Amino acid sequence: MKRLARPLAETAMVYGLLGWLYVAASAAFRPDDMSAPITALVPMRRDTFGCLCFATSALCAAGLQVGTGRILAARRRGTGAAEAAVRTAVGYSLLVWVYLCVNSLTHPYTIAMRLTHFAAVPTEGATAVSCFLLSIAAFLTLRLRGRERGSEEVA
């Protein structure tokens, strides 16, 4: 089972991210279609599918980094769970920020609307600002930790 765990997690991370990117692109250009089913074969809302794909991909990305420090390739020095979480926060919060920036350009009227159908808060605008700040803080944390170890390596 252990031999299958890493390939399964890598596959879930990559295809989860691709699923989210599809939904993000759909939301950017056809925001009124988000409550429609993803397909007749999968009677799930597009935005729900996107949320599940994003969460799956982010959790797998964080999990894959624990112990190896890399998402798709092993390296000598191991990484703890905290550093894996910070590395994941850098990339995934930046992805959400970019997605919301595209949304603000293609349909600016939604920036004040709630982000998901799951909860009334936060709004798209508040989430964009929060994700941008989180990405900055996480990136700075990695850079400072790298300097402490004498390494110039970055996420």
Protein backbone atom coordinates (compact mmCIF):
# COMPACT_ATOMS: atom_id res chain seq x y z
CA MET A 1 0.00 0.00 0.00
CA LYS A 2 2.85 2.38 0.84
CA ARG A 3 4.22 2.02 -2.70
CA LEU A 4 0.89 3.27 -4.07
CA ALA A 5 0.45 6.21 -1.69
CA ARG A 6 2.91 8.63 -3.29
CA PRO A 7 1.85 8.02 -6.93
CA LEU A 8 -1.82 8.29 -5.93
CA ALA A 9 -1.17 11.55 -4.04
CA GLU A 10 0.85 12.98 -6.95
CA THR A 11 -1.94 12.10 -9.38
CA ALA A 12 -4.63 13.57 -7.11
CA MET A 13 -2.57 16.75 -6.68
CA VAL A 14 -2.02 17.29 -10.42
CA TYR A 15 -5.51 16.38 -11.60
CA GLY A 16 -7.16 18.16 -8.68
CA LEU A 17 -5.30 21.30 -9.71
CA LEU A 18 -6.34 20.83 -13.35
CA GLY A 19 -9.97 20.38 -12.30
CA TRP A 20 -9.81 23.57 -10.25
CA LEU A 21 -8.17 25.46 -13.13
CA TYR A 22 -11.03 24.40 -15.41
CA VAL A 23 -13.61 25.68 -12.93
CA ALA A 24 -11.60 28.87 -12.35
CA ALA A 25 -11.49 29.57 -16.09
CA SER A 26 -15.21 28.83 -16.37
CA ALA A 27 -15.93 31.18 -13.47
CA ALA A 28 -13.84 33.93 -15.03
CA PHE A 29 -15.69 33.82 -18.35
CA ARG A 30 -19.11 32.40 -17.44
CA PRO A 31 -19.80 33.25 -13.79
CA ASP A 32 -23.53 32.61 -14.13
CA ASP A 33 -22.89 28.92 -14.96
CA MET A 34 -21.29 27.98 -11.64
CA SER A 35 -24.42 26.46 -10.15
CA ALA A 36 -24.91 24.20 -13.18
CA PRO A 37 -23.83 20.56 -12.91
CA ILE A 38 -20.28 19.78 -14.01
CA THR A 39 -21.74 17.15 -16.37
CA ALA A 40 -24.82 14.95 -16.63
CA LEU A 41 -22.69 12.03 -15.44
CA VAL A 42 -21.63 13.89 -12.28
CA PRO A 43 -24.61 15.84 -10.90
CA MET A 44 -22.40 18.19 -8.85
CA ARG A 45 -22.31 21.98 -9.08
CA ARG A 46 -19.28 23.34 -10.94
CA ASP A 47 -18.25 25.52 -8.00
CA THR A 48 -18.52 22.57 -5.59
CA PHE A 49 -16.38 20.47 -7.93
CA GLY A 50 -13.81 23.28 -8.05
CA CYS A 51 -13.69 23.55 -4.25
CA LEU A 52 -13.22 19.79 -3.87
CA CYS A 53 -10.51 19.72 -6.54
CA PHE A 54 -8.65 22.65 -4.94
CA ALA A 55 -8.80 21.14 -1.45
CA THR A 56 -7.67 17.72 -2.70
CA SER A 57 -4.77 19.21 -4.64
CA ALA A 58 -3.61 21.45 -1.78
CA LEU A 59 -3.78 18.66 0.82
CA CYS A 60 -1.87 16.29 -1.43
CA ALA A 61 0.74 18.96 -2.19
CA ALA A 62 1.30 19.55 1.52
CA GLY A 63 1.38 15.84 2.32
CA LEU A 64 3.85 15.05 -0.46
CA GLN A 65 6.33 17.61 0.89
CA VAL A 66 6.45 16.12 4.40
CA GLY A 67 9.64 14.11 4.67
CA THR A 68 11.02 14.93 1.22
CA GLY A 69 10.52 18.68 0.88
CA ARG A 70 9.47 18.23 -2.74
CA ILE A 71 6.16 17.69 -4.41
CA LEU A 72 7.16 15.42 -7.31
CA ALA A 73 10.78 14.47 -6.54
CA ALA A 74 12.64 13.42 -3.42
CA ARG A 75 15.69 15.23 -2.08
CA ARG A 76 18.17 14.53 0.73
CA ARG A 77 16.99 16.86 3.50
CA GLY A 78 13.56 16.15 4.91
CA THR A 79 10.84 18.71 5.50
CA GLY A 80 8.52 18.82 8.45
CA ALA A 81 4.77 19.26 8.35
CA ALA A 82 4.98 22.97 9.27
CA GLU A 83 7.35 23.82 6.42
CA ALA A 84 5.28 21.74 3.99
CA ALA A 85 2.18 23.70 5.02
CA VAL A 86 3.99 27.02 4.55
CA ARG A 87 5.25 25.98 1.10
CA THR A 88 1.75 24.95 0.11
CA ALA A 89 0.35 28.26 1.40
CA VAL A 90 2.77 30.19 -0.83
CA GLY A 91 1.62 28.53 -4.05
CA TYR A 92 -2.04 27.87 -3.47
CA SER A 93 -2.88 31.24 -1.93
CA LEU A 94 -1.13 32.89 -4.87
CA LEU A 95 -3.22 30.78 -7.28
CA VAL A 96 -6.43 31.93 -5.60
CA TRP A 97 -5.27 35.55 -5.76
CA VAL A 98 -4.52 35.27 -9.50
CA TYR A 99 -7.90 33.63 -10.09
CA LEU A 100 -9.72 36.42 -8.24
CA CYS A 101 -7.72 39.07 -10.11
CA VAL A 102 -8.84 37.57 -13.43
CA ASN A 103 -12.41 37.51 -12.11
CA SER A 104 -12.18 41.19 -11.17
CA LEU A 105 -11.15 42.00 -14.74
CA THR A 106 -13.69 39.82 -16.54
CA HIS A 107 -16.68 40.51 -14.27
CA PRO A 108 -15.91 43.21 -11.69
CA TYR A 109 -19.45 43.20 -10.30
CA THR A 110 -18.72 39.94 -8.42
CA ILE A 111 -15.80 41.31 -6.35
CA ALA A 112 -18.20 42.36 -3.58
CA MET A 113 -20.14 39.07 -3.70
CA ARG A 114 -19.54 36.11 -1.43
CA LEU A 115 -16.77 33.78 -2.54
CA THR A 116 -18.70 30.50 -2.44
CA HIS A 117 -22.18 29.16 -1.98
CA PHE A 118 -20.99 27.40 1.19
CA ALA A 119 -20.95 30.53 3.39
CA ALA A 120 -22.03 34.17 3.29
CA VAL A 121 -18.50 35.38 4.04
CA PRO A 122 -15.86 36.13 2.85
CA THR A 123 -16.32 38.17 -0.31
CA GLU A 124 -14.18 37.70 -3.41
CA GLY A 125 -12.40 41.00 -2.70
CA ALA A 126 -11.59 40.16 0.93
CA THR A 127 -10.36 36.73 -0.11
CA ALA A 128 -8.11 38.21 -2.80
CA VAL A 129 -6.47 40.57 -0.31
CA SER A 130 -6.14 37.85 2.33
CA CYS A 131 -4.59 35.38 -0.11
CA PHE A 132 -2.12 37.95 -1.41
CA LEU A 133 -1.01 38.82 2.12
CA LEU A 134 -0.83 35.15 3.14
CA SER A 135 1.33 34.35 0.13
CA ILE A 136 3.70 37.23 0.95
CA ALA A 137 3.97 36.19 4.61
CA ALA A 138 4.51 32.51 3.76
CA PHE A 139 7.13 33.31 1.10
CA LEU A 140 8.97 35.62 3.49
CA THR A 141 8.86 32.93 6.18
CA LEU A 142 10.48 30.42 3.83
CA ARG A 143 13.17 32.90 2.77
CA LEU A 144 13.99 33.80 6.38
CA ARG A 145 14.14 30.14 7.41
CA GLY A 146 16.40 29.43 4.45
CA ARG A 147 18.79 32.16 5.55
CA GLU A 148 18.84 30.77 9.08
CA ARG A 149 19.95 27.42 7.67
CA GLY A 150 22.47 29.12 5.41
CA SER A 151 20.57 28.11 2.31
CA GLU A 152 19.45 30.35 -0.54
CA GLU A 153 16.91 27.76 -1.63
CA VAL A 154 13.36 28.94 -2.15
CA ALA A 155 10.01 27.17 -2.28
